[in-house]
Amino acid sequence: MAFRVYLSYSLDLAESALAWRLQTLATAHGIDMYVPNYGLATSPTASSNQRAIDRADCVLAIITTAANPNVQNELRHAIEKGKLVVPIIRSDMPAAALPAQFPRVFFFSPRDNPGTIETQIVDFLKDQKVAKDKQQVIGALAAVGLGLLVLFSLSNQD
């Protein structure tokens, strides 16, 4: 099963470019990343975005000086659903309390090489994918083990 990521972002043109670059890199590494097409005539509805978040294993959020209402609603929904939320925050954003509530936060600066942060994010997502794969393997082994125990106990009852 694919590792699914939902990417929430503002409408800023620079962020949109980062969003699409991240999707391309993630796909190249076997990560399924959903990026909503905000602002288009066929832009997704809030309910379709919530369904995409519900299917996601992780939610990334690109946050600059102010998260727009779409990003705020998507983050609220993701947190309510218990999703892993990983913000990508502009380094000069005045929100010192924000990072403390998230397990992993990435910071970026418009002056930095975007490839560096992109690589860090994709590496993190690959690690999360491996962790998910391991959890699935452990779950499958546990199910097989329980099945064998049931069969063993049934055969000993005869």
N, C-alpha and C. Protein backbone atom coordinates (compact mmCIF):
# COMPACT_ATOMS: atom_id res chain seq x y z
N MET A 1 0.84 -1.18 0.00
CA MET A 1 0.00 0.00 0.00
C MET A 1 0.89 1.25 0.00
N ALA A 2 0.53 2.20 -0.81
CA ALA A 2 1.33 3.42 -0.97
C ALA A 2 1.25 4.29 0.28
N PHE A 3 2.32 5.02 0.52
CA PHE A 3 2.33 6.02 1.58
C PHE A 3 1.74 7.28 0.98
N ARG A 4 0.66 7.78 1.58
CA ARG A 4 -0.07 8.92 1.02
C ARG A 4 0.16 10.17 1.85
N VAL A 5 0.43 11.27 1.14
CA VAL A 5 0.67 12.56 1.78
C VAL A 5 -0.28 13.58 1.17
N TYR A 6 -0.88 14.39 2.02
CA TYR A 6 -1.70 15.52 1.58
C TYR A 6 -0.87 16.77 1.79
N LEU A 7 -0.77 17.61 0.79
CA LEU A 7 0.02 18.84 0.91
C LEU A 7 -0.90 20.05 0.92
N SER A 8 -0.95 20.73 2.04
CA SER A 8 -1.75 21.94 2.20
C SER A 8 -0.82 23.13 2.03
N TYR A 9 -1.25 24.14 1.28
CA TYR A 9 -0.37 25.28 1.03
C TYR A 9 -1.18 26.53 0.73
N SER A 10 -0.54 27.68 0.85
CA SER A 10 -1.18 28.95 0.54
C SER A 10 -1.16 29.20 -0.96
N LEU A 11 -1.82 30.26 -1.38
CA LEU A 11 -1.91 30.56 -2.80
C LEU A 11 -0.72 31.32 -3.35
N ASP A 12 0.24 31.65 -2.51
CA ASP A 12 1.41 32.39 -2.96
C ASP A 12 2.09 31.64 -4.11
N LEU A 13 2.44 32.35 -5.16
CA LEU A 13 3.01 31.72 -6.35
C LEU A 13 4.28 30.93 -6.04
N ALA A 14 5.15 31.48 -5.19
CA ALA A 14 6.39 30.78 -4.83
C ALA A 14 6.08 29.47 -4.11
N GLU A 15 5.09 29.49 -3.22
CA GLU A 15 4.72 28.27 -2.51
C GLU A 15 4.11 27.25 -3.46
N SER A 16 3.33 27.71 -4.41
CA SER A 16 2.73 26.80 -5.37
C SER A 16 3.82 26.05 -6.13
N ALA A 17 4.87 26.75 -6.51
CA ALA A 17 5.97 26.10 -7.20
C ALA A 17 6.63 25.05 -6.31
N LEU A 18 6.83 25.38 -5.03
CA LEU A 18 7.42 24.42 -4.09
C LEU A 18 6.50 23.21 -3.94
N ALA A 19 5.20 23.44 -3.88
CA ALA A 19 4.25 22.35 -3.73
C ALA A 19 4.36 21.37 -4.89
N TRP A 20 4.40 21.87 -6.10
CA TRP A 20 4.46 21.00 -7.26
C TRP A 20 5.83 20.32 -7.38
N ARG A 21 6.90 21.01 -6.99
CA ARG A 21 8.23 20.38 -6.99
C ARG A 21 8.27 19.24 -5.98
N LEU A 22 7.68 19.48 -4.79
CA LEU A 22 7.65 18.43 -3.77
C LEU A 22 6.86 17.22 -4.26
N GLN A 23 5.76 17.46 -4.95
CA GLN A 23 4.97 16.35 -5.47
C GLN A 23 5.78 15.53 -6.47
N THR A 24 6.50 16.21 -7.34
CA THR A 24 7.32 15.51 -8.32
C THR A 24 8.40 14.68 -7.64
N LEU A 25 9.10 15.26 -6.66
CA LEU A 25 10.14 14.53 -5.94
C LEU A 25 9.56 13.35 -5.16
N ALA A 26 8.44 13.58 -4.50
CA ALA A 26 7.82 12.51 -3.72
C ALA A 26 7.43 11.34 -4.62
N THR A 27 6.83 11.65 -5.75
CA THR A 27 6.43 10.61 -6.70
C THR A 27 7.63 9.81 -7.18
N ALA A 28 8.73 10.49 -7.42
CA ALA A 28 9.95 9.81 -7.86
C ALA A 28 10.46 8.83 -6.81
N HIS A 29 10.08 9.04 -5.55
CA HIS A 29 10.52 8.16 -4.46
C HIS A 29 9.40 7.22 -3.99
N GLY A 30 8.36 7.09 -4.79
CA GLY A 30 7.29 6.15 -4.48
C GLY A 30 6.30 6.63 -3.44
N ILE A 31 6.21 7.92 -3.25
CA ILE A 31 5.29 8.49 -2.27
C ILE A 31 4.14 9.14 -3.05
N ASP A 32 2.92 8.81 -2.69
CA ASP A 32 1.74 9.35 -3.36
C ASP A 32 1.35 10.67 -2.67
N MET A 33 1.57 11.79 -3.34
CA MET A 33 1.28 13.10 -2.75
C MET A 33 0.12 13.76 -3.47
N TYR A 34 -0.90 14.14 -2.69
CA TYR A 34 -2.06 14.85 -3.23
C TYR A 34 -1.85 16.34 -3.01
N VAL A 35 -1.91 17.11 -4.09
CA VAL A 35 -1.76 18.57 -4.02
C VAL A 35 -3.02 19.18 -4.60
N PRO A 36 -3.86 19.83 -3.77
CA PRO A 36 -5.07 20.44 -4.30
C PRO A 36 -4.76 21.59 -5.24
N ASN A 37 -5.59 21.77 -6.24
CA ASN A 37 -5.42 22.85 -7.22
C ASN A 37 -6.24 24.06 -6.79
N TYR A 38 -5.81 24.75 -5.77
CA TYR A 38 -6.54 25.94 -5.31
C TYR A 38 -6.56 27.01 -6.40
N GLY A 39 -7.64 27.75 -6.45
CA GLY A 39 -7.69 28.91 -7.33
C GLY A 39 -8.02 28.61 -8.77
N LEU A 40 -8.17 27.35 -9.14
CA LEU A 40 -8.55 27.03 -10.51
C LEU A 40 -10.06 26.97 -10.62
N ALA A 41 -10.57 27.09 -11.83
CA ALA A 41 -12.02 27.02 -12.04
C ALA A 41 -12.57 25.69 -11.54
N THR A 42 -11.76 24.65 -11.60
CA THR A 42 -12.18 23.33 -11.14
C THR A 42 -11.52 22.98 -9.81
N SER A 43 -11.31 23.99 -8.96
CA SER A 43 -10.63 23.74 -7.69
C SER A 43 -11.46 22.80 -6.82
N PRO A 44 -10.79 22.00 -5.99
CA PRO A 44 -11.49 21.02 -5.18
C PRO A 44 -12.33 21.69 -4.09
N THR A 45 -13.39 21.01 -3.68
CA THR A 45 -14.23 21.52 -2.60
C THR A 45 -13.61 21.15 -1.27
N ALA A 46 -14.08 21.82 -0.21
CA ALA A 46 -13.56 21.52 1.12
C ALA A 46 -13.82 20.06 1.48
N SER A 47 -14.98 19.54 1.10
CA SER A 47 -15.28 18.14 1.46
C SER A 47 -14.39 17.16 0.69
N SER A 48 -14.06 17.47 -0.57
CA SER A 48 -13.17 16.56 -1.30
C SER A 48 -11.76 16.62 -0.72
N ASN A 49 -11.34 17.79 -0.26
CA ASN A 49 -10.04 17.90 0.40
C ASN A 49 -10.04 17.14 1.72
N GLN A 50 -11.14 17.21 2.47
CA GLN A 50 -11.21 16.47 3.73
C GLN A 50 -11.15 14.96 3.48
N ARG A 51 -11.80 14.49 2.42
CA ARG A 51 -11.71 13.06 2.09
C ARG A 51 -10.28 12.67 1.73
N ALA A 52 -9.58 13.55 1.02
CA ALA A 52 -8.18 13.27 0.67
C ALA A 52 -7.32 13.24 1.93
N ILE A 53 -7.59 14.13 2.88
CA ILE A 53 -6.87 14.13 4.16
C ILE A 53 -7.17 12.85 4.91
N ASP A 54 -8.41 12.42 4.91
CA ASP A 54 -8.79 11.19 5.61
C ASP A 54 -8.03 9.98 5.06
N ARG A 55 -7.75 9.96 3.77
CA ARG A 55 -7.02 8.85 3.14
C ARG A 55 -5.50 8.97 3.34
N ALA A 56 -5.03 10.15 3.72
CA ALA A 56 -3.59 10.40 3.83
C ALA A 56 -3.00 9.79 5.10
N ASP A 57 -1.73 9.42 5.00
CA ASP A 57 -0.98 8.96 6.17
C ASP A 57 -0.35 10.15 6.90
N CYS A 58 -0.13 11.23 6.17
CA CYS A 58 0.60 12.39 6.69
C CYS A 58 0.10 13.64 5.96
N VAL A 59 0.09 14.77 6.66
CA VAL A 59 -0.28 16.04 6.06
C VAL A 59 0.89 17.00 6.20
N LEU A 60 1.39 17.48 5.06
CA LEU A 60 2.41 18.52 5.06
C LEU A 60 1.69 19.85 4.84
N ALA A 61 2.16 20.90 5.50
CA ALA A 61 1.53 22.21 5.33
C ALA A 61 2.61 23.27 5.15
N ILE A 62 2.58 23.93 4.01
CA ILE A 62 3.51 25.04 3.77
C ILE A 62 2.87 26.29 4.36
N ILE A 63 3.55 26.88 5.35
CA ILE A 63 2.99 28.02 6.08
C ILE A 63 3.97 29.19 6.01
N THR A 64 3.45 30.32 5.55
CA THR A 64 4.27 31.54 5.54
C THR A 64 3.77 32.45 6.66
N THR A 65 3.84 33.73 6.48
CA THR A 65 3.48 34.66 7.55
C THR A 65 2.04 34.49 8.03
N ALA A 66 1.16 34.04 7.18
CA ALA A 66 -0.22 33.79 7.60
C ALA A 66 -0.78 32.63 6.79
N ALA A 67 -1.29 31.64 7.50
CA ALA A 67 -1.92 30.50 6.82
C ALA A 67 -3.29 30.94 6.35
N ASN A 68 -3.58 30.74 5.08
CA ASN A 68 -4.89 31.16 4.57
C ASN A 68 -5.98 30.25 5.13
N PRO A 69 -7.26 30.63 4.98
CA PRO A 69 -8.35 29.83 5.55
C PRO A 69 -8.37 28.37 5.08
N ASN A 70 -8.01 28.11 3.82
CA ASN A 70 -7.95 26.72 3.35
C ASN A 70 -6.98 25.91 4.19
N VAL A 71 -5.78 26.45 4.38
CA VAL A 71 -4.75 25.75 5.15
C VAL A 71 -5.21 25.57 6.59
N GLN A 72 -5.78 26.60 7.19
CA GLN A 72 -6.24 26.50 8.58
C GLN A 72 -7.30 25.41 8.73
N ASN A 73 -8.28 25.38 7.81
CA ASN A 73 -9.34 24.36 7.88
C ASN A 73 -8.78 22.96 7.67
N GLU A 74 -7.85 22.82 6.72
CA GLU A 74 -7.27 21.51 6.46
C GLU A 74 -6.45 21.02 7.65
N LEU A 75 -5.68 21.90 8.26
CA LEU A 75 -4.90 21.50 9.43
C LEU A 75 -5.81 21.12 10.59
N ARG A 76 -6.85 21.89 10.80
CA ARG A 76 -7.80 21.59 11.87
C ARG A 76 -8.40 20.20 11.65
N HIS A 77 -8.81 19.92 10.43
CA HIS A 77 -9.40 18.61 10.11
C HIS A 77 -8.38 17.49 10.32
N ALA A 78 -7.16 17.70 9.86
CA ALA A 78 -6.11 16.68 10.00
C ALA A 78 -5.82 16.39 11.46
N ILE A 79 -5.74 17.42 12.27
CA ILE A 79 -5.47 17.23 13.71
C ILE A 79 -6.63 16.50 14.37
N GLU A 80 -7.87 16.88 14.01
CA GLU A 80 -9.05 16.20 14.57
C GLU A 80 -9.05 14.72 14.20
N LYS A 81 -8.54 14.38 13.03
CA LYS A 81 -8.51 12.99 12.58
C LYS A 81 -7.26 12.24 13.07
N GLY A 82 -6.41 12.92 13.83
CA GLY A 82 -5.22 12.28 14.38
C GLY A 82 -4.13 12.01 13.37
N LYS A 83 -4.08 12.77 12.31
CA LYS A 83 -3.06 12.59 11.27
C LYS A 83 -1.73 13.20 11.73
N LEU A 84 -0.65 12.64 11.23
CA LEU A 84 0.66 13.23 11.43
C LEU A 84 0.70 14.50 10.60
N VAL A 85 0.89 15.65 11.25
CA VAL A 85 0.93 16.94 10.56
C VAL A 85 2.34 17.49 10.67
N VAL A 86 2.93 17.80 9.51
CA VAL A 86 4.30 18.30 9.47
C VAL A 86 4.31 19.66 8.75
N PRO A 87 4.47 20.74 9.51
CA PRO A 87 4.51 22.06 8.89
C PRO A 87 5.87 22.36 8.24
N ILE A 88 5.80 23.09 7.13
CA ILE A 88 6.98 23.62 6.46
C ILE A 88 6.82 25.13 6.58
N ILE A 89 7.60 25.72 7.47
CA ILE A 89 7.36 27.11 7.88
C ILE A 89 8.46 28.02 7.37
N ARG A 90 8.06 29.16 6.86
CA ARG A 90 9.03 30.18 6.46
C ARG A 90 9.79 30.61 7.71
N SER A 91 11.11 30.65 7.63
CA SER A 91 11.95 30.85 8.81
C SER A 91 11.74 32.19 9.50
N ASP A 92 11.25 33.20 8.79
CA ASP A 92 11.04 34.50 9.44
C ASP A 92 9.60 34.69 9.93
N MET A 93 8.83 33.61 9.99
CA MET A 93 7.45 33.70 10.46
C MET A 93 7.43 33.88 11.98
N PRO A 94 6.71 34.88 12.48
CA PRO A 94 6.66 35.12 13.93
C PRO A 94 5.62 34.22 14.60
N ALA A 95 5.94 32.95 14.76
CA ALA A 95 5.01 32.01 15.40
C ALA A 95 5.79 31.03 16.24
N ALA A 96 6.39 31.51 17.31
CA ALA A 96 7.26 30.69 18.14
C ALA A 96 6.53 29.50 18.76
N ALA A 97 5.24 29.64 19.11
CA ALA A 97 4.51 28.56 19.77
C ALA A 97 4.06 27.49 18.79
N LEU A 98 3.95 27.81 17.53
CA LEU A 98 3.44 26.86 16.55
C LEU A 98 4.26 25.58 16.46
N PRO A 99 5.57 25.63 16.30
CA PRO A 99 6.33 24.39 16.13
C PRO A 99 6.24 23.42 17.30
N ALA A 100 6.01 23.90 18.52
CA ALA A 100 5.98 23.03 19.69
C ALA A 100 4.87 21.98 19.63
N GLN A 101 3.80 22.27 18.92
CA GLN A 101 2.68 21.32 18.89
C GLN A 101 2.83 20.23 17.83
N PHE A 102 3.88 20.28 17.03
CA PHE A 102 4.07 19.32 15.96
C PHE A 102 5.33 18.49 16.19
N PRO A 103 5.31 17.19 15.84
CA PRO A 103 6.47 16.34 16.09
C PRO A 103 7.68 16.66 15.21
N ARG A 104 7.46 17.20 14.03
CA ARG A 104 8.56 17.54 13.12
C ARG A 104 8.16 18.78 12.35
N VAL A 105 9.05 19.76 12.32
CA VAL A 105 8.81 21.01 11.62
C VAL A 105 10.02 21.30 10.74
N PHE A 106 9.76 21.73 9.51
CA PHE A 106 10.83 22.14 8.60
C PHE A 106 10.73 23.65 8.41
N PHE A 107 11.88 24.31 8.36
CA PHE A 107 11.91 25.76 8.15
C PHE A 107 12.60 26.03 6.81
N PHE A 108 12.09 27.02 6.09
CA PHE A 108 12.70 27.39 4.82
C PHE A 108 12.83 28.89 4.73
N SER A 109 13.78 29.32 3.93
CA SER A 109 13.99 30.74 3.66
C SER A 109 14.01 30.93 2.16
N PRO A 110 13.40 32.01 1.68
CA PRO A 110 13.43 32.27 0.23
C PRO A 110 14.85 32.46 -0.30
N ARG A 111 15.79 32.78 0.59
CA ARG A 111 17.18 32.99 0.17
C ARG A 111 17.97 31.69 0.07
N ASP A 112 17.46 30.63 0.67
CA ASP A 112 18.17 29.35 0.66
C ASP A 112 17.90 28.57 -0.61
N ASN A 113 18.76 27.61 -0.87
CA ASN A 113 18.58 26.71 -2.00
C ASN A 113 17.36 25.83 -1.71
N PRO A 114 16.31 25.88 -2.54
CA PRO A 114 15.12 25.07 -2.28
C PRO A 114 15.38 23.57 -2.32
N GLY A 115 16.42 23.16 -3.02
CA GLY A 115 16.73 21.74 -3.11
C GLY A 115 17.08 21.13 -1.77
N THR A 116 17.68 21.92 -0.88
CA THR A 116 18.08 21.41 0.44
C THR A 116 16.86 21.02 1.26
N ILE A 117 15.90 21.93 1.39
CA ILE A 117 14.71 21.63 2.19
C ILE A 117 13.87 20.54 1.52
N GLU A 118 13.81 20.57 0.20
CA GLU A 118 13.05 19.54 -0.52
C GLU A 118 13.62 18.16 -0.23
N THR A 119 14.94 18.05 -0.25
CA THR A 119 15.59 16.76 0.03
C THR A 119 15.31 16.31 1.46
N GLN A 120 15.37 17.25 2.41
CA GLN A 120 15.09 16.91 3.81
C GLN A 120 13.66 16.40 3.97
N ILE A 121 12.73 17.05 3.31
CA ILE A 121 11.32 16.65 3.41
C ILE A 121 11.10 15.29 2.77
N VAL A 122 11.64 15.08 1.60
CA VAL A 122 11.47 13.78 0.93
C VAL A 122 12.13 12.68 1.74
N ASP A 123 13.29 12.93 2.33
CA ASP A 123 13.94 11.92 3.18
C ASP A 123 13.05 11.58 4.38
N PHE A 124 12.45 12.60 4.99
CA PHE A 124 11.54 12.37 6.12
C PHE A 124 10.36 11.52 5.67
N LEU A 125 9.78 11.86 4.52
CA LEU A 125 8.63 11.10 4.02
C LEU A 125 9.02 9.66 3.70
N LYS A 126 10.22 9.45 3.16
CA LYS A 126 10.68 8.09 2.88
C LYS A 126 10.80 7.30 4.19
N ASP A 127 11.31 7.95 5.24
CA ASP A 127 11.41 7.29 6.55
C ASP A 127 10.01 6.93 7.07
N GLN A 128 9.05 7.83 6.90
CA GLN A 128 7.69 7.56 7.34
C GLN A 128 7.09 6.40 6.54
N LYS A 129 7.39 6.36 5.27
CA LYS A 129 6.90 5.27 4.40
C LYS A 129 7.46 3.93 4.88
N VAL A 130 8.75 3.91 5.19
CA VAL A 130 9.38 2.68 5.69
C VAL A 130 8.73 2.27 7.01
N ALA A 131 8.48 3.24 7.89
CA ALA A 131 7.84 2.93 9.17
C ALA A 131 6.45 2.35 8.95
N LYS A 132 5.71 2.89 8.01
CA LYS A 132 4.37 2.36 7.70
C LYS A 132 4.48 0.95 7.15
N ASP A 133 5.42 0.73 6.23
CA ASP A 133 5.62 -0.59 5.67
C ASP A 133 5.97 -1.60 6.76
N LYS A 134 6.83 -1.20 7.69
CA LYS A 134 7.21 -2.09 8.79
C LYS A 134 6.01 -2.41 9.67
N GLN A 135 5.18 -1.39 9.94
CA GLN A 135 3.98 -1.62 10.75
C GLN A 135 3.05 -2.61 10.06
N GLN A 136 2.92 -2.51 8.73
CA GLN A 136 2.06 -3.43 8.00
C GLN A 136 2.62 -4.84 8.04
N VAL A 137 3.94 -4.97 7.92
CA VAL A 137 4.56 -6.29 7.97
C VAL A 137 4.38 -6.89 9.36
N ILE A 138 4.59 -6.10 10.40
CA ILE A 138 4.42 -6.59 11.77
C ILE A 138 2.97 -7.01 11.99
N GLY A 139 2.03 -6.19 11.50
CA GLY A 139 0.61 -6.54 11.62
C GLY A 139 0.29 -7.84 10.90
N ALA A 140 0.84 -8.01 9.71
CA ALA A 140 0.60 -9.24 8.95
C ALA A 140 1.19 -10.44 9.68
N LEU A 141 2.42 -10.28 10.21
CA LEU A 141 3.04 -11.38 10.96
C LEU A 141 2.23 -11.72 12.21
N ALA A 142 1.73 -10.71 12.89
CA ALA A 142 0.91 -10.95 14.08
C ALA A 142 -0.36 -11.72 13.70
N ALA A 143 -0.98 -11.33 12.58
CA ALA A 143 -2.20 -12.02 12.14
C ALA A 143 -1.90 -13.48 11.79
N VAL A 144 -0.79 -13.72 11.10
CA VAL A 144 -0.41 -15.09 10.75
C VAL A 144 -0.11 -15.89 12.02
N GLY A 145 0.61 -15.26 12.95
CA GLY A 145 0.92 -15.93 14.21
C GLY A 145 -0.33 -16.29 14.99
N LEU A 146 -1.28 -15.37 15.07
CA LEU A 146 -2.52 -15.67 15.77
C LEU A 146 -3.28 -16.79 15.08
N GLY A 147 -3.28 -16.76 13.76
CA GLY A 147 -3.95 -17.82 13.01
C GLY A 147 -3.33 -19.18 13.28
N LEU A 148 -2.00 -19.22 13.32
CA LEU A 148 -1.31 -20.48 13.61
C LEU A 148 -1.62 -20.95 15.03
N LEU A 149 -1.67 -20.02 15.98
CA LEU A 149 -2.01 -20.39 17.36
C LEU A 149 -3.41 -20.98 17.44
N VAL A 150 -4.35 -20.38 16.73
CA VAL A 150 -5.72 -20.89 16.73
C VAL A 150 -5.75 -22.29 16.13
N LEU A 151 -5.08 -22.48 14.99
CA LEU A 151 -5.03 -23.80 14.36
C LEU A 151 -4.37 -24.83 15.27
N PHE A 152 -3.30 -24.43 15.92
CA PHE A 152 -2.59 -25.33 16.83
C PHE A 152 -3.49 -25.74 18.00
N SER A 153 -4.19 -24.77 18.57
CA SER A 153 -5.05 -25.09 19.70
C SER A 153 -6.22 -25.95 19.27
N LEU A 154 -6.75 -25.74 18.06
CA LEU A 154 -7.83 -26.57 17.56
C LEU A 154 -7.36 -28.01 17.31
N SER A 155 -6.13 -28.16 16.81
CA SER A 155 -5.62 -29.50 16.53
C SER A 155 -5.31 -30.26 17.82
N ASN A 156 -4.99 -29.55 18.90
CA ASN A 156 -4.69 -30.20 20.17
C ASN A 156 -5.96 -30.59 20.92
N GLN A 157 -7.10 -30.04 20.53
CA GLN A 157 -8.36 -30.37 21.22
C GLN A 157 -8.89 -31.73 20.79
N ASP A 158 -8.42 -32.25 19.69
CA ASP A 158 -8.91 -33.55 19.20
C ASP A 158 -8.35 -34.72 19.94
